[in-house]
Structures are given as structure tokens and as C-alpha cells.
N, C-alpha and C. Protein backbone atom coordinates (compact mmCIF):
# COMPACT_ATOMS: atom_id res chain seq x y z
N MET A 1 22.76 7.47 3.65
CA MET A 1 23.49 6.29 4.08
C MET A 1 24.40 5.84 2.93
N GLU A 2 25.63 5.55 3.26
CA GLU A 2 26.58 5.15 2.23
C GLU A 2 27.28 3.83 2.52
N THR A 3 27.17 3.36 3.77
CA THR A 3 27.77 2.07 4.12
C THR A 3 26.78 1.27 4.95
N SER A 4 26.99 -0.06 4.97
CA SER A 4 26.13 -0.94 5.74
C SER A 4 26.90 -2.16 6.19
N ASP A 5 26.53 -2.69 7.34
CA ASP A 5 27.12 -3.93 7.82
C ASP A 5 26.50 -5.15 7.12
N TRP A 6 25.37 -4.93 6.43
CA TRP A 6 24.73 -6.03 5.70
C TRP A 6 25.54 -6.32 4.44
N LYS A 7 25.89 -7.58 4.25
CA LYS A 7 26.64 -7.96 3.05
C LYS A 7 25.75 -7.82 1.83
N HIS A 8 26.34 -7.54 0.71
CA HIS A 8 25.67 -7.43 -0.59
C HIS A 8 24.66 -6.29 -0.64
N SER A 9 24.84 -5.26 0.19
CA SER A 9 23.95 -4.10 0.15
C SER A 9 24.25 -3.26 -1.08
N VAL A 10 23.19 -2.75 -1.68
CA VAL A 10 23.31 -1.84 -2.81
C VAL A 10 22.50 -0.60 -2.47
N PHE A 11 23.09 0.56 -2.62
CA PHE A 11 22.41 1.80 -2.29
C PHE A 11 21.84 2.44 -3.55
N LEU A 12 20.56 2.69 -3.51
CA LEU A 12 19.87 3.34 -4.62
C LEU A 12 19.82 4.83 -4.32
N LYS A 13 20.32 5.64 -5.23
CA LYS A 13 20.47 7.06 -4.95
C LYS A 13 19.36 7.92 -5.56
N ASP A 14 18.68 7.41 -6.60
CA ASP A 14 17.64 8.22 -7.23
C ASP A 14 16.63 7.31 -7.92
N ILE A 15 15.63 7.93 -8.51
CA ILE A 15 14.54 7.17 -9.14
C ILE A 15 15.05 6.33 -10.31
N GLU A 16 16.08 6.79 -10.99
CA GLU A 16 16.64 6.02 -12.11
C GLU A 16 17.24 4.70 -11.62
N ASP A 17 17.87 4.72 -10.44
CA ASP A 17 18.40 3.48 -9.85
C ASP A 17 17.27 2.51 -9.53
N ILE A 18 16.14 3.03 -9.05
CA ILE A 18 14.99 2.18 -8.74
C ILE A 18 14.41 1.59 -10.02
N LYS A 19 14.29 2.39 -11.06
CA LYS A 19 13.78 1.90 -12.35
C LYS A 19 14.68 0.80 -12.90
N ALA A 20 15.99 0.98 -12.81
CA ALA A 20 16.94 -0.03 -13.30
C ALA A 20 16.80 -1.33 -12.52
N LEU A 21 16.63 -1.23 -11.20
CA LEU A 21 16.44 -2.42 -10.38
C LEU A 21 15.14 -3.12 -10.76
N LYS A 22 14.07 -2.37 -10.97
CA LYS A 22 12.78 -2.94 -11.32
C LYS A 22 12.85 -3.67 -12.66
N GLU A 23 13.62 -3.15 -13.60
CA GLU A 23 13.73 -3.75 -14.93
C GLU A 23 14.73 -4.91 -14.98
N SER A 24 15.48 -5.12 -13.91
CA SER A 24 16.50 -6.17 -13.88
C SER A 24 15.86 -7.53 -13.60
N GLU A 25 16.69 -8.56 -13.56
CA GLU A 25 16.25 -9.92 -13.29
C GLU A 25 16.14 -10.21 -11.79
N SER A 26 16.19 -9.17 -10.98
CA SER A 26 16.16 -9.35 -9.53
C SER A 26 14.77 -9.82 -9.08
N PRO A 27 14.69 -10.40 -7.87
CA PRO A 27 13.38 -10.76 -7.33
C PRO A 27 12.51 -9.51 -7.16
N GLU A 28 11.25 -9.71 -6.81
CA GLU A 28 10.35 -8.58 -6.65
C GLU A 28 10.84 -7.60 -5.59
N ILE A 29 10.47 -6.37 -5.77
CA ILE A 29 10.81 -5.31 -4.82
C ILE A 29 9.61 -5.15 -3.89
N GLN A 30 9.86 -5.14 -2.60
CA GLN A 30 8.79 -4.95 -1.62
C GLN A 30 9.12 -3.76 -0.73
N VAL A 31 8.10 -2.99 -0.40
CA VAL A 31 8.25 -1.87 0.52
C VAL A 31 7.39 -2.18 1.73
N TRP A 32 7.98 -2.14 2.89
CA TRP A 32 7.28 -2.42 4.14
C TRP A 32 7.30 -1.18 5.02
N GLY A 33 6.24 -0.38 4.97
CA GLY A 33 6.06 0.69 5.93
C GLY A 33 6.72 2.02 5.63
N SER A 34 7.33 2.22 4.49
CA SER A 34 7.95 3.51 4.19
C SER A 34 7.00 4.34 3.33
N SER A 35 6.27 5.25 3.96
CA SER A 35 5.30 6.05 3.20
C SER A 35 6.01 6.96 2.19
N GLU A 36 7.18 7.48 2.53
CA GLU A 36 7.90 8.35 1.59
C GLU A 36 8.31 7.60 0.34
N LEU A 37 8.85 6.39 0.50
CA LEU A 37 9.25 5.60 -0.67
C LEU A 37 8.02 5.17 -1.46
N THR A 38 6.95 4.79 -0.76
CA THR A 38 5.72 4.42 -1.45
C THR A 38 5.19 5.58 -2.28
N HIS A 39 5.18 6.78 -1.73
CA HIS A 39 4.74 7.97 -2.47
C HIS A 39 5.59 8.17 -3.73
N LEU A 40 6.90 8.01 -3.60
CA LEU A 40 7.80 8.19 -4.73
C LEU A 40 7.52 7.15 -5.82
N LEU A 41 7.33 5.89 -5.43
CA LEU A 41 7.06 4.83 -6.40
C LEU A 41 5.72 5.05 -7.09
N LEU A 42 4.69 5.45 -6.34
CA LEU A 42 3.38 5.73 -6.95
C LEU A 42 3.48 6.91 -7.91
N LEU A 43 4.20 7.95 -7.53
CA LEU A 43 4.37 9.13 -8.36
C LEU A 43 4.97 8.78 -9.72
N HIS A 44 5.89 7.81 -9.74
CA HIS A 44 6.58 7.42 -10.98
C HIS A 44 5.99 6.16 -11.61
N ASP A 45 4.78 5.78 -11.21
CA ASP A 45 4.06 4.62 -11.76
C ASP A 45 4.92 3.35 -11.72
N LEU A 46 5.54 3.09 -10.58
CA LEU A 46 6.40 1.92 -10.42
C LEU A 46 5.80 0.87 -9.47
N VAL A 47 4.50 0.99 -9.19
CA VAL A 47 3.85 0.05 -8.28
C VAL A 47 2.98 -0.91 -9.10
N ASP A 48 3.28 -2.20 -8.99
CA ASP A 48 2.51 -3.23 -9.70
C ASP A 48 1.44 -3.85 -8.82
N GLU A 49 1.65 -3.80 -7.51
CA GLU A 49 0.73 -4.45 -6.59
C GLU A 49 0.72 -3.70 -5.27
N ILE A 50 -0.46 -3.62 -4.66
CA ILE A 50 -0.61 -3.01 -3.34
C ILE A 50 -1.28 -4.04 -2.44
N ARG A 51 -0.69 -4.26 -1.28
CA ARG A 51 -1.30 -5.13 -0.27
C ARG A 51 -1.63 -4.25 0.93
N LEU A 52 -2.90 -4.20 1.28
CA LEU A 52 -3.35 -3.35 2.37
C LEU A 52 -3.88 -4.19 3.51
N LYS A 53 -3.59 -3.76 4.71
CA LYS A 53 -4.19 -4.32 5.92
C LYS A 53 -4.98 -3.19 6.55
N ILE A 54 -6.28 -3.38 6.64
CA ILE A 54 -7.16 -2.34 7.16
C ILE A 54 -7.68 -2.81 8.52
N PHE A 55 -7.31 -2.07 9.55
CA PHE A 55 -7.66 -2.44 10.92
C PHE A 55 -8.91 -1.68 11.36
N PRO A 56 -9.80 -2.32 12.11
CA PRO A 56 -11.05 -1.68 12.53
C PRO A 56 -10.87 -0.80 13.78
N LEU A 57 -10.00 0.19 13.68
CA LEU A 57 -9.83 1.15 14.77
C LEU A 57 -9.29 2.45 14.22
N ILE A 58 -9.52 3.50 14.95
CA ILE A 58 -9.05 4.83 14.56
C ILE A 58 -8.13 5.33 15.66
N LEU A 59 -6.91 5.70 15.28
CA LEU A 59 -5.93 6.16 16.26
C LEU A 59 -5.69 7.66 16.18
N GLY A 60 -6.22 8.30 15.15
CA GLY A 60 -6.00 9.73 14.98
C GLY A 60 -5.17 9.99 13.74
N GLU A 61 -4.49 11.12 13.74
CA GLU A 61 -3.69 11.48 12.58
C GLU A 61 -2.44 10.62 12.48
N GLY A 62 -1.96 10.47 11.27
CA GLY A 62 -0.76 9.69 11.03
C GLY A 62 -0.31 9.87 9.59
N LYS A 63 0.61 9.05 9.17
CA LYS A 63 1.10 9.10 7.80
C LYS A 63 0.01 8.59 6.87
N LYS A 64 -0.08 9.21 5.70
CA LYS A 64 -1.09 8.84 4.74
C LYS A 64 -0.47 8.06 3.59
N LEU A 65 -1.12 6.98 3.19
CA LEU A 65 -0.64 6.21 2.04
C LEU A 65 -0.77 7.02 0.76
N PHE A 66 -1.90 7.73 0.61
CA PHE A 66 -2.14 8.55 -0.57
C PHE A 66 -2.18 10.00 -0.12
N ASP A 67 -1.16 10.78 -0.51
CA ASP A 67 -1.10 12.17 -0.08
C ASP A 67 -1.59 13.10 -1.18
N GLN A 68 -1.38 14.40 -1.01
CA GLN A 68 -1.87 15.39 -1.97
C GLN A 68 -1.18 15.29 -3.33
N ASN A 69 -0.07 14.58 -3.43
CA ASN A 69 0.64 14.42 -4.70
C ASN A 69 0.32 13.10 -5.40
N ALA A 70 -0.66 12.37 -4.91
CA ALA A 70 -0.99 11.06 -5.48
C ALA A 70 -1.38 11.19 -6.94
N VAL A 71 -0.85 10.29 -7.75
CA VAL A 71 -1.15 10.24 -9.18
C VAL A 71 -2.24 9.19 -9.39
N PRO A 72 -3.29 9.51 -10.16
CA PRO A 72 -4.34 8.53 -10.38
C PRO A 72 -3.80 7.23 -10.99
N GLY A 73 -4.28 6.12 -10.50
CA GLY A 73 -3.88 4.81 -11.01
C GLY A 73 -4.99 3.81 -10.72
N ALA A 74 -5.23 2.90 -11.62
CA ALA A 74 -6.28 1.89 -11.44
C ALA A 74 -5.67 0.59 -10.94
N PHE A 75 -6.34 -0.02 -9.98
CA PHE A 75 -5.93 -1.32 -9.44
C PHE A 75 -7.17 -2.20 -9.38
N VAL A 76 -6.99 -3.50 -9.49
CA VAL A 76 -8.09 -4.44 -9.40
C VAL A 76 -7.84 -5.38 -8.22
N LEU A 77 -8.90 -5.67 -7.47
CA LEU A 77 -8.79 -6.56 -6.31
C LEU A 77 -8.57 -7.98 -6.80
N LYS A 78 -7.49 -8.61 -6.35
CA LYS A 78 -7.16 -9.98 -6.74
C LYS A 78 -7.43 -10.99 -5.65
N GLU A 79 -7.38 -10.53 -4.41
CA GLU A 79 -7.54 -11.46 -3.28
C GLU A 79 -7.89 -10.65 -2.04
N ASN A 80 -8.73 -11.21 -1.18
CA ASN A 80 -9.01 -10.54 0.08
C ASN A 80 -9.39 -11.57 1.15
N HIS A 81 -9.09 -11.20 2.38
CA HIS A 81 -9.40 -12.04 3.54
C HIS A 81 -9.84 -11.12 4.67
N ILE A 82 -10.71 -11.63 5.53
CA ILE A 82 -11.09 -10.92 6.74
C ILE A 82 -10.75 -11.82 7.91
N THR A 83 -9.92 -11.32 8.82
CA THR A 83 -9.49 -12.13 9.96
C THR A 83 -10.60 -12.19 11.01
N SER A 84 -10.43 -13.05 11.99
CA SER A 84 -11.41 -13.19 13.07
C SER A 84 -11.54 -11.91 13.89
N LYS A 85 -10.55 -11.04 13.84
CA LYS A 85 -10.58 -9.76 14.56
C LYS A 85 -11.08 -8.61 13.68
N GLY A 86 -11.50 -8.93 12.45
CA GLY A 86 -12.05 -7.91 11.56
C GLY A 86 -11.04 -7.16 10.72
N VAL A 87 -9.79 -7.59 10.69
CA VAL A 87 -8.78 -6.96 9.85
C VAL A 87 -9.01 -7.41 8.41
N ILE A 88 -9.10 -6.46 7.49
CA ILE A 88 -9.27 -6.77 6.07
C ILE A 88 -7.89 -6.77 5.43
N ILE A 89 -7.53 -7.86 4.78
CA ILE A 89 -6.27 -7.96 4.06
C ILE A 89 -6.63 -8.06 2.58
N ALA A 90 -6.20 -7.07 1.80
CA ALA A 90 -6.58 -7.01 0.39
C ALA A 90 -5.34 -6.88 -0.48
N ARG A 91 -5.34 -7.62 -1.60
CA ARG A 91 -4.24 -7.56 -2.57
C ARG A 91 -4.78 -7.03 -3.89
N TYR A 92 -4.22 -5.90 -4.33
CA TYR A 92 -4.63 -5.26 -5.57
C TYR A 92 -3.48 -5.31 -6.58
N GLN A 93 -3.80 -5.53 -7.86
CA GLN A 93 -2.80 -5.46 -8.92
C GLN A 93 -3.12 -4.31 -9.85
N ARG A 94 -2.08 -3.75 -10.43
CA ARG A 94 -2.21 -2.62 -11.36
C ARG A 94 -3.12 -3.03 -12.50
N ALA A 95 -4.03 -2.12 -12.88
CA ALA A 95 -5.03 -2.43 -13.91
C ALA A 95 -5.06 -1.39 -15.02
N GLY A 96 -3.94 -0.75 -15.29
CA GLY A 96 -3.88 0.20 -16.40
C GLY A 96 -4.43 1.56 -16.04
N GLU A 97 -5.02 2.20 -17.05
CA GLU A 97 -5.51 3.57 -16.91
C GLU A 97 -6.78 3.61 -16.05
N VAL A 98 -7.01 4.76 -15.46
CA VAL A 98 -8.19 4.98 -14.64
C VAL A 98 -9.41 5.12 -15.55
N VAL A 99 -10.46 4.35 -15.21
CA VAL A 99 -11.73 4.44 -15.92
C VAL A 99 -12.78 4.79 -14.87
N THR A 100 -13.51 5.87 -15.06
CA THR A 100 -14.52 6.27 -14.10
C THR A 100 -15.89 5.77 -14.55
N GLY A 101 -16.81 5.69 -13.61
CA GLY A 101 -18.16 5.24 -13.93
C GLY A 101 -18.94 4.99 -12.67
N GLU A 102 -19.94 4.17 -12.77
CA GLU A 102 -20.83 3.85 -11.65
C GLU A 102 -20.22 2.78 -10.76
N ILE A 103 -20.57 2.81 -9.49
CA ILE A 103 -20.16 1.78 -8.54
C ILE A 103 -21.35 0.86 -8.33
N GLU A 104 -21.11 -0.43 -8.51
CA GLU A 104 -22.17 -1.41 -8.29
C GLU A 104 -21.86 -2.20 -7.03
N ILE A 105 -22.89 -2.45 -6.22
CA ILE A 105 -22.71 -3.23 -5.00
C ILE A 105 -23.39 -4.57 -5.18
């Protein structure tokens, strides 16, 4: 895509453009539903926060948030809610390097 009817549109052509935008004084960058862009951002360690909505149903195969090229990264749960219909809404923030160990419940 090279043109848009939306005013003030800026086209990012590569990962360097995304890094420059992230380092600028612009508001936060949000990705809504693009698994390919999410994979690219995770691959280049450009994700500061992940917000997940987990629905209590299985529909079959579909796009995967974490694919075979996923790079290890640690996140910490900052906030979570469970709706009356059982949807889990969780907000995770980047927590540095991956540390492995025991899981405590």
C-alpha cells in the first residue's frame, strides 16, 4: 500500500521504520489482530505489553499468536479480569530476560 484516503497516514516499509516510530515521541503503538505484524514485533523484541483475551471455547485451527519462530521473552502479569461469561482478560508487561524454574500455585 502506498496511498491512503486517511489524512496524516505514514507508511512503514521495514522494521527500521517501526523501530524509529517506537523510539519517537509518538503515542503508544497498538496492534489489533494482525498476527503477522505481532510475530514481526516479537521477533525483534519490540513488544512492551501484551493484552490477551482468552475465550472459553474451541473453534479449531486458526492463526497462532506464538508460531514456530517465536523468540523467548519474559512477561509479568500486571492486571487480569474474568468476565461474567468466563472470558479472561490479562495484561502482561515485558519483564526482561527469561528465567526458568519451578511453577508455584
